[in-house]
PDB file of N, CA and C in Angstrom:
ATOM      1  N   UNK A   1      19.030  -8.971  12.109  1.00  0.00           N
ATOM      2  CA  UNK A   1      17.720  -9.740  12.661  1.00  0.00           C
ATOM      3  C   UNK A   1      16.451  -9.003  12.351  1.00  0.00           C
ATOM      4  N   UNK A   2      16.530  -7.509  12.665  1.00  0.00           N
ATOM      5  CA  UNK A   2      15.191  -7.151  12.253  1.00  0.00           C
ATOM      6  C   UNK A   2      14.974  -6.700  10.926  1.00  0.00           C
ATOM      7  N   UNK A   3      15.831  -6.628  10.047  1.00  0.00           N
ATOM      8  CA  UNK A   3      15.873  -6.434   8.419  1.00  0.00           C
ATOM      9  C   UNK A   3      15.623  -8.251   8.238  1.00  0.00           C
ATOM     10  N   UNK A   4      15.925  -9.280   8.769  1.00  0.00           N
ATOM     11  CA  UNK A   4      15.458 -10.344   8.073  1.00  0.00           C
ATOM     12  C   UNK A   4      13.832 -10.366   8.463  1.00  0.00           C
ATOM     13  N   UNK A   5      13.394  -9.936   9.514  1.00  0.00           N
ATOM     14  CA  UNK A   5      11.973 -10.192   9.973  1.00  0.00           C
ATOM     15  C   UNK A   5      11.165  -9.185   8.998  1.00  0.00           C
ATOM     16  N   UNK A   6      11.578  -8.255   8.421  1.00  0.00           N
ATOM     17  CA  UNK A   6      10.700  -7.542   7.703  1.00  0.00           C
ATOM     18  C   UNK A   6      10.780  -7.579   6.302  1.00  0.00           C
ATOM     19  N   UNK A   7      11.493  -8.406   5.632  1.00  0.00           N
ATOM     20  CA  UNK A   7      11.487  -9.138   4.313  1.00  0.00           C
ATOM     21  C   UNK A   7      10.419  -9.831   4.119  1.00  0.00           C
ATOM     22  N   UNK A   8       9.910 -10.644   4.811  1.00  0.00           N
ATOM     23  CA  UNK A   8       8.718 -11.368   4.377  1.00  0.00           C
ATOM     24  C   UNK A   8       7.382 -10.862   4.380  1.00  0.00           C
ATOM     25  N   UNK A   9       7.486  -9.647   5.296  1.00  0.00           N
ATOM     26  CA  UNK A   9       6.307  -8.628   5.522  1.00  0.00           C
ATOM     27  C   UNK A   9       6.302  -8.004   4.237  1.00  0.00           C
ATOM     28  N   UNK A  10       7.305  -7.338   3.800  1.00  0.00           N
ATOM     29  CA  UNK A  10       7.129  -6.370   2.600  1.00  0.00           C
ATOM     30  C   UNK A  10       7.136  -7.399   1.399  1.00  0.00           C
ATOM     31  N   UNK A  11       7.458  -8.736   1.258  1.00  0.00           N
ATOM     32  CA  UNK A  11       7.397  -9.431   0.111  1.00  0.00           C
ATOM     33  C   UNK A  11       5.963  -9.817  -0.104  1.00  0.00           C
ATOM     34  N   UNK A  12       5.129 -10.067   1.301  1.00  0.00           N
ATOM     35  CA  UNK A  12       3.734 -10.309   0.998  1.00  0.00           C
ATOM     36  C   UNK A  12       3.012  -9.215   0.863  1.00  0.00           C
ATOM     37  N   UNK A  13       3.304  -8.274   1.515  1.00  0.00           N
ATOM     38  CA  UNK A  13       2.411  -6.651   0.851  1.00  0.00           C
ATOM     39  C   UNK A  13       2.600  -6.287  -0.633  1.00  0.00           C
ATOM     40  N   UNK A  14       3.756  -6.828  -1.161  1.00  0.00           N
ATOM     41  CA  UNK A  14       3.932  -6.292  -2.520  1.00  0.00           C
ATOM     42  C   UNK A  14       3.160  -7.463  -3.543  1.00  0.00           C
ATOM     43  N   UNK A  15       3.281  -8.734  -2.633  1.00  0.00           N
ATOM     44  CA  UNK A  15       2.580  -9.608  -3.795  1.00  0.00           C
ATOM     45  C   UNK A  15       0.765  -9.540  -3.721  1.00  0.00           C
ATOM     46  N   UNK A  16       0.329  -9.042  -2.818  1.00  0.00           N
ATOM     47  CA  UNK A  16      -0.941  -8.670  -2.899  1.00  0.00           C
ATOM     48  C   UNK A  16      -1.722  -7.985  -3.937  1.00  0.00           C
ATOM     49  N   UNK A  17      -2.532  -8.414  -4.559  1.00  0.00           N
ATOM     50  CA  UNK A  17      -2.802  -7.311  -5.459  1.00  0.00           C
ATOM     51  C   UNK A  17      -3.796  -6.307  -4.699  1.00  0.00           C
ATOM     52  N   UNK A  18      -3.759  -5.026  -5.216  1.00  0.00           N
ATOM     53  CA  UNK A  18      -4.681  -3.909  -4.788  1.00  0.00           C
ATOM     54  C   UNK A  18      -6.086  -4.174  -4.435  1.00  0.00           C
ATOM     55  N   UNK A  19      -6.586  -3.872  -3.398  1.00  0.00           N
ATOM     56  CA  UNK A  19      -8.359  -3.829  -3.192  1.00  0.00           C
ATOM     57  C   UNK A  19      -8.815  -2.648  -3.444  1.00  0.00           C
ATOM     58  N   UNK A  20      -9.744  -2.518  -4.254  1.00  0.00           N
ATOM     59  CA  UNK A  20     -10.584  -1.507  -4.793  1.00  0.00           C
ATOM     60  C   UNK A  20     -11.122  -0.852  -3.214  1.00  0.00           C
ATOM     61  N   UNK A  21     -11.302   0.245  -3.183  1.00  0.00           N
ATOM     62  CA  UNK A  21     -12.227   0.951  -2.146  1.00  0.00           C
ATOM     63  C   UNK A  21     -13.648   0.410  -2.198  1.00  0.00           C
ATOM     64  N   UNK A  22     -13.920   0.082  -0.934  1.00  0.00           N
ATOM     65  CA  UNK A  22     -15.654  -0.306  -0.893  1.00  0.00           C
ATOM     66  C   UNK A  22     -16.433   0.906  -0.730  1.00  0.00           C
ATOM     67  N   UNK A  23     -17.346   1.087  -1.852  1.00  0.00           N
ATOM     68  CA  UNK A  23     -18.189   2.156  -1.447  1.00  0.00           C
ATOM     69  C   UNK A  23     -19.140   2.083  -0.345  1.00  0.00           C
ATOM     70  N   UNK A  24     -19.805   3.264  -0.108  1.00  0.00           N
ATOM     71  CA  UNK A  24     -20.800   3.127   0.765  1.00  0.00           C
ATOM     72  C   UNK A  24     -22.197   2.768   0.016  1.00  0.00           C
ATOM     73  N   UNK A  25     -22.673   1.277   0.523  1.00  0.00           N
ATOM     74  CA  UNK A  25     -23.688   0.851  -0.384  1.00  0.00           C
ATOM     75  C   UNK A  25     -25.101   1.490   0.059  1.00  0.00           C
ATOM     76  N   UNK A  26     -25.104   2.541   0.781  1.00  0.00           N
ATOM     77  CA  UNK A  26     -26.383   3.423   0.945  1.00  0.00           C
ATOM     78  C   UNK A  26     -26.430   4.174  -0.349  1.00  0.00           C
ATOM     79  N   UNK A  27     -25.326   4.816  -0.769  1.00  0.00           N
ATOM     80  CA  UNK A  27     -25.271   5.819  -1.674  1.00  0.00           C
ATOM     81  C   UNK A  27     -25.047   5.162  -3.341  1.00  0.00           C
ATOM     82  N   UNK A  28     -24.290   4.021  -2.996  1.00  0.00           N
ATOM     83  CA  UNK A  28     -23.864   3.568  -4.345  1.00  0.00           C
ATOM     84  C   UNK A  28     -24.336   2.120  -4.759  1.00  0.00           C
ATOM     85  N   UNK A  29     -24.955   2.052  -5.725  1.00  0.00           N
ATOM     86  CA  UNK A  29     -25.563   0.740  -6.410  1.00  0.00           C
ATOM     87  C   UNK A  29     -25.128   0.539  -7.767  1.00  0.00           C
ATOM     88  N   UNK A  30     -24.793  -0.569  -8.369  1.00  0.00           N
ATOM     89  CA  UNK A  30     -24.306  -1.020  -9.399  1.00  0.00           C
ATOM     90  C   UNK A  30     -25.795  -1.423 -10.239  1.00  0.00           C
ATOM     91  N   UNK A  31     -25.986  -0.986 -11.393  1.00  0.00           N
ATOM     92  CA  UNK A  31     -26.928  -0.869 -11.800  1.00  0.00           C
ATOM     93  C   UNK A  31     -26.997  -2.051 -12.911  1.00  0.00           C
ATOM     94  N   UNK A  32     -25.844  -2.079 -13.668  1.00  0.00           N
ATOM     95  CA  UNK A  32     -25.372  -3.135 -14.757  1.00  0.00           C
ATOM     96  C   UNK A  32     -24.009  -3.334 -14.709  1.00  0.00           C
ATOM     97  N   UNK A  33     -23.549  -3.982 -15.501  1.00  0.00           N
ATOM     98  CA  UNK A  33     -21.892  -4.275 -15.399  1.00  0.00           C
ATOM     99  C   UNK A  33     -21.621  -5.269 -16.327  1.00  0.00           C
ATOM    100  N   UNK A  34     -20.784  -5.372 -17.117  1.00  0.00           N
ATOM    101  CA  UNK A  34     -20.179  -6.306 -18.093  1.00  0.00           C
ATOM    102  C   UNK A  34     -18.553  -6.041 -18.059  1.00  0.00           C
ATOM    103  N   UNK A  35     -18.045  -6.518 -19.256  1.00  0.00           N
ATOM    104  CA  UNK A  35     -16.530  -6.302 -19.568  1.00  0.00           C
ATOM    105  C   UNK A  35     -15.872  -4.925 -20.036  1.00  0.00           C
ATOM    106  N   UNK A  36     -17.006  -4.181 -20.541  1.00  0.00           N
ATOM    107  CA  UNK A  36     -16.739  -2.845 -21.103  1.00  0.00           C
ATOM    108  C   UNK A  36     -17.256  -1.662 -20.476  1.00  0.00           C
ATOM    109  N   UNK A  37     -18.471  -1.863 -19.623  1.00  0.00           N
ATOM    110  CA  UNK A  37     -19.455  -0.795 -19.015  1.00  0.00           C
ATOM    111  C   UNK A  37     -19.776  -1.421 -17.737  1.00  0.00           C
ATOM    112  N   UNK A  38     -19.829  -0.024 -16.807  1.00  0.00           N
ATOM    113  CA  UNK A  38     -20.398  -0.075 -15.630  1.00  0.00           C
ATOM    114  C   UNK A  38     -21.242   0.637 -15.377  1.00  0.00           C
ATOM    115  N   UNK A  39     -22.462   0.485 -15.062  1.00  0.00           N
ATOM    116  CA  UNK A  39     -23.464   1.626 -14.859  1.00  0.00           C
ATOM    117  C   UNK A  39     -23.669   1.783 -13.356  1.00  0.00           C
ATOM    118  N   UNK A  40     -23.758   2.964 -12.880  1.00  0.00           N
ATOM    119  CA  UNK A  40     -23.993   2.745 -11.253  1.00  0.00           C
ATOM    120  C   UNK A  40     -24.654   3.771 -11.103  1.00  0.00           C
ATOM    121  N   UNK A  41     -25.681   3.702  -9.663  1.00  0.00           N
ATOM    122  CA  UNK A  41     -26.662   4.891  -9.459  1.00  0.00           C
ATOM    123  C   UNK A  41     -25.916   5.191  -8.189  1.00  0.00           C
ATOM    124  N   UNK A  42     -25.614   6.544  -8.156  1.00  0.00           N
ATOM    125  CA  UNK A  42     -24.725   7.243  -6.942  1.00  0.00           C
ATOM    126  C   UNK A  42     -25.721   8.440  -6.273  1.00  0.00           C
ATOM    127  N   UNK A  43     -26.573   8.059  -5.140  1.00  0.00           N
ATOM    128  CA  UNK A  43     -27.182   9.352  -4.787  1.00  0.00           C
ATOM    129  C   UNK A  43     -26.837  10.119  -3.768  1.00  0.00           C
ATOM    130  N   UNK A  44     -26.653  11.280  -4.021  1.00  0.00           N
ATOM    131  CA  UNK A  44     -26.127  12.343  -2.920  1.00  0.00           C
ATOM    132  C   UNK A  44     -27.309  13.520  -2.563  1.00  0.00           C
ATOM    133  N   UNK A  45     -26.933  13.723  -1.172  1.00  0.00           N
ATOM    134  CA  UNK A  45     -27.908  14.949  -0.655  1.00  0.00           C
ATOM    135  C   UNK A  45     -27.480  15.847  -1.330  1.00  0.00           C
ATOM    136  N   UNK A  46     -28.193  17.333  -1.453  1.00  0.00           N
ATOM    137  CA  UNK A  46     -27.792  18.532  -1.820  1.00  0.00           C
ATOM    138  C   UNK A  46     -26.386  18.842  -0.904  1.00  0.00           C
ATOM    139  N   UNK A  47     -25.534  19.374  -1.732  1.00  0.00           N
ATOM    140  CA  UNK A  47     -24.057  19.756  -0.878  1.00  0.00           C
ATOM    141  C   UNK A  47     -23.103  18.920  -0.629  1.00  0.00           C
ATOM    142  N   UNK A  48     -23.540  17.324  -0.972  1.00  0.00           N
ATOM    143  CA  UNK A  48     -22.748  16.306  -0.690  1.00  0.00           C
ATOM    144  C   UNK A  48     -22.062  16.179  -1.984  1.00  0.00           C
ATOM    145  N   UNK A  49     -20.447  15.852  -1.535  1.00  0.00           N
ATOM    146  CA  UNK A  49     -19.722  15.479  -2.642  1.00  0.00           C
ATOM    147  C   UNK A  49     -19.365  13.879  -2.427  1.00  0.00           C
ATOM    148  N   UNK A  50     -18.848  13.281  -3.660  1.00  0.00           N
ATOM    149  CA  UNK A  50     -18.210  12.019  -3.757  1.00  0.00           C
ATOM    150  C   UNK A  50     -16.950  12.237  -2.991  1.00  0.00           C
ATOM    151  N   UNK A  51     -16.472  11.081  -2.270  1.00  0.00           N
ATOM    152  CA  UNK A  51     -15.294  11.077  -1.497  1.00  0.00           C
ATOM    153  C   UNK A  51     -14.042  10.405  -2.475  1.00  0.00           C
ATOM    154  N   UNK A  52     -13.187  10.464  -1.988  1.00  0.00           N
ATOM    155  CA  UNK A  52     -11.628   9.920  -2.746  1.00  0.00           C
ATOM    156  C   UNK A  52     -11.732   8.396  -2.953  1.00  0.00           C
ATOM    157  N   UNK A  53     -12.609   7.749  -1.791  1.00  0.00           N
ATOM    158  CA  UNK A  53     -12.568   6.669  -1.993  1.00  0.00           C
ATOM    159  C   UNK A  53     -13.744   6.072  -2.786  1.00  0.00           C
ATOM    160  N   UNK A  54     -14.456   6.902  -3.180  1.00  0.00           N
ATOM    161  CA  UNK A  54     -15.543   6.446  -4.187  1.00  0.00           C
ATOM    162  C   UNK A  54     -15.355   5.674  -5.283  1.00  0.00           C
ATOM    163  N   UNK A  55     -15.909   4.928  -6.063  1.00  0.00           N
ATOM    164  CA  UNK A  55     -15.337   4.286  -7.396  1.00  0.00           C
ATOM    165  C   UNK A  55     -15.536   5.229  -8.283  1.00  0.00           C
ATOM    166  N   UNK A  56     -14.621   5.194  -9.111  1.00  0.00           N
ATOM    167  CA  UNK A  56     -14.475   5.986 -10.247  1.00  0.00           C
ATOM    168  C   UNK A  56     -14.581   5.520 -11.847  1.00  0.00           C
ATOM    169  N   UNK A  57     -14.631   6.441 -12.557  1.00  0.00           N
ATOM    170  CA  UNK A  57     -14.820   6.000 -13.928  1.00  0.00           C
ATOM    171  C   UNK A  57     -14.333   7.023 -14.955  1.00  0.00           C
ATOM    172  N   UNK A  58     -14.221   6.770 -16.015  1.00  0.00           N
ATOM    173  CA  UNK A  58     -14.027   8.045 -17.160  1.00  0.00           C
ATOM    174  C   UNK A  58     -15.122   8.796 -17.465  1.00  0.00           C
ATOM    175  N   UNK A  59     -16.435   8.409 -17.567  1.00  0.00           N
ATOM    176  CA  UNK A  59     -17.184   9.141 -17.732  1.00  0.00           C
ATOM    177  C   UNK A  59     -18.381   9.413 -16.709  1.00  0.00           C
ATOM    178  N   UNK A  60     -19.051  10.481 -16.084  1.00  0.00           N
ATOM    179  CA  UNK A  60     -20.149  10.455 -15.091  1.00  0.00           C
ATOM    180  C   UNK A  60     -21.056  11.341 -15.630  1.00  0.00           C
ATOM    181  N   UNK A  61     -22.337  10.866 -15.823  1.00  0.00           N
ATOM    182  CA  UNK A  61     -23.572  11.644 -16.070  1.00  0.00           C
ATOM    183  C   UNK A  61     -24.158  11.990 -14.801  1.00  0.00           C
ATOM    184  N   UNK A  62     -24.617  13.085 -14.649  1.00  0.00           N
ATOM    185  CA  UNK A  62     -25.435  13.545 -13.510  1.00  0.00           C
ATOM    186  C   UNK A  62     -26.658  13.893 -14.112  1.00  0.00           C
ATOM    187  N   UNK A  63     -27.633  13.278 -13.551  1.00  0.00           N
ATOM    188  CA  UNK A  63     -28.967  13.298 -13.940  1.00  0.00           C
ATOM    189  C   UNK A  63     -29.801  13.939 -12.490  1.00  0.00           C
ATOM    190  N   UNK A  64     -30.142  15.396 -12.758  1.00  0.00           N
ATOM    191  CA  UNK A  64     -30.690  15.903 -11.248  1.00  0.00           C
ATOM    192  C   UNK A  64     -32.147  16.614 -12.030  1.00  0.00           C
ATOM    193  N   UNK A  65     -33.061  16.732 -10.986  1.00  0.00           N
ATOM    194  CA  UNK A  65     -34.401  16.984 -11.210  1.00  0.00           C
ATOM    195  C   UNK A  65     -34.786  18.572 -10.950  1.00  0.00           C
ATOM    196  N   UNK A  66     -35.676  19.259 -11.692  1.00  0.00           N
ATOM    197  CA  UNK A  66     -36.113  20.147 -11.603  1.00  0.00           C
ATOM    198  C   UNK A  66     -35.235  21.526 -12.137  1.00  0.00           C
ATOM    199  N   UNK A  67     -34.388  20.960 -13.083  1.00  0.00           N
ATOM    200  CA  UNK A  67     -33.566  21.992 -13.613  1.00  0.00           C
ATOM    201  C   UNK A  67     -33.848  22.145 -15.282  1.00  0.00           C
ATOM    202  N   UNK A  68     -34.638  21.307 -15.562  1.00  0.00           N
ATOM    203  CA  UNK A  68     -35.157  21.512 -17.130  1.00  0.00           C
ATOM    204  C   UNK A  68     -34.070  21.426 -17.743  1.00  0.00           C
ATOM    205  N   UNK A  69     -33.087  20.608 -17.743  1.00  0.00           N
ATOM    206  CA  UNK A  69     -32.040  19.940 -18.399  1.00  0.00           C
ATOM    207  C   UNK A  69     -30.771  20.915 -18.440  1.00  0.00           C
ATOM    208  N   UNK A  70     -31.187  21.757 -17.635  1.00  0.00           N
ATOM    209  CA  UNK A  70     -29.874  23.021 -17.422  1.00  0.00           C
ATOM    210  C   UNK A  70     -28.821  22.357 -16.167  1.00  0.00           C
ATOM    211  N   UNK A  71     -27.693  22.771 -16.372  1.00  0.00           N
ATOM    212  CA  UNK A  71     -26.730  22.650 -15.325  1.00  0.00           C
ATOM    213  C   UNK A  71     -26.326  24.146 -14.926  1.00  0.00           C
ATOM    214  N   UNK A  72     -26.343  24.573 -13.766  1.00  0.00           N
ATOM    215  CA  UNK A  72     -25.865  25.883 -13.616  1.00  0.00           C
ATOM    216  C   UNK A  72     -24.317  25.526 -13.333  1.00  0.00           C
ATOM    217  N   UNK A  73     -23.520  27.047 -14.035  1.00  0.00           N
ATOM    218  CA  UNK A  73     -22.080  26.621 -14.055  1.00  0.00           C
ATOM    219  C   UNK A  73     -21.445  26.328 -12.727  1.00  0.00           C
ATOM    220  N   UNK A  74     -22.041  26.854 -11.760  1.00  0.00           N
ATOM    221  CA  UNK A  74     -21.412  26.527 -10.409  1.00  0.00           C
ATOM    222  C   UNK A  74     -21.350  25.330  -9.927  1.00  0.00           C
ATOM    223  N   UNK A  75     -22.533  24.617 -10.708  1.00  0.00           N
ATOM    224  CA  UNK A  75     -22.704  23.156 -10.173  1.00  0.00           C
ATOM    225  C   UNK A  75     -21.902  22.247 -11.029  1.00  0.00           C
ATOM    226  N   UNK A  76     -21.435  22.662 -12.366  1.00  0.00           N
ATOM    227  CA  UNK A  76     -20.557  21.700 -13.158  1.00  0.00           C
ATOM    228  C   UNK A  76     -19.060  21.889 -12.931  1.00  0.00           C
ATOM    229  N   UNK A  77     -18.507  20.709 -13.091  1.00  0.00           N
ATOM    230  CA  UNK A  77     -17.151  20.550 -13.309  1.00  0.00           C
ATOM    231  C   UNK A  77     -16.246  19.552 -14.054  1.00  0.00           C
ATOM    232  N   UNK A  78     -15.067  19.766 -14.468  1.00  0.00           N
ATOM    233  CA  UNK A  78     -14.711  18.608 -15.366  1.00  0.00           C
ATOM    234  C   UNK A  78     -13.557  18.325 -14.672  1.00  0.00           C
ATOM    235  N   UNK A  79     -13.081  16.962 -14.465  1.00  0.00           N
ATOM    236  CA  UNK A  79     -11.742  16.748 -14.204  1.00  0.00           C
ATOM    237  C   UNK A  79     -11.314  15.645 -15.210  1.00  0.00           C
ATOM    238  N   UNK A  80     -10.044  15.542 -15.239  1.00  0.00           N
ATOM    239  CA  UNK A  80      -9.271  14.786 -16.053  1.00  0.00           C
ATOM    240  C   UNK A  80      -9.296  13.188 -15.274  1.00  0.00           C
ATOM    241  N   UNK A  81      -9.319  12.131 -16.346  1.00  0.00           N
ATOM    242  CA  UNK A  81      -9.341  10.775 -15.347  1.00  0.00           C
ATOM    243  C   UNK A  81      -7.908  10.765 -15.037  1.00  0.00           C
ATOM    244  N   UNK A  82      -8.078   9.589 -13.951  1.00  0.00           N
ATOM    245  CA  UNK A  82      -6.711   9.412 -13.203  1.00  0.00           C
ATOM    246  C   UNK A  82      -6.478   9.965 -12.187  1.00  0.00           C
TER     247      UNK A  82
END
C-alpha cells in the first residue's frame, strides 16, 4: 500500500522540469538577453563571494575600480564550466 502511494509522487517529481535557482535581485540584474547571450550585472561587496545558487555562465568578466586594469593574482581564479 505504501509503495502505491509513493509512485504518483515520484512520477510527478520526475516529470517536472528543473527550476533554475532564483538569484538575489539586489545583487543580480540582467542587462541584456537573447538566444545566444545573457549579460548580467552582479554587484558584490569586498570579500563577498558568489553562492552556488547564483546563475552561472561559461564566461565571467570581472570589472573592478581603482586597479588600472590589473588583477592581483590572489583575486583571480579560473574554474571549468559545469
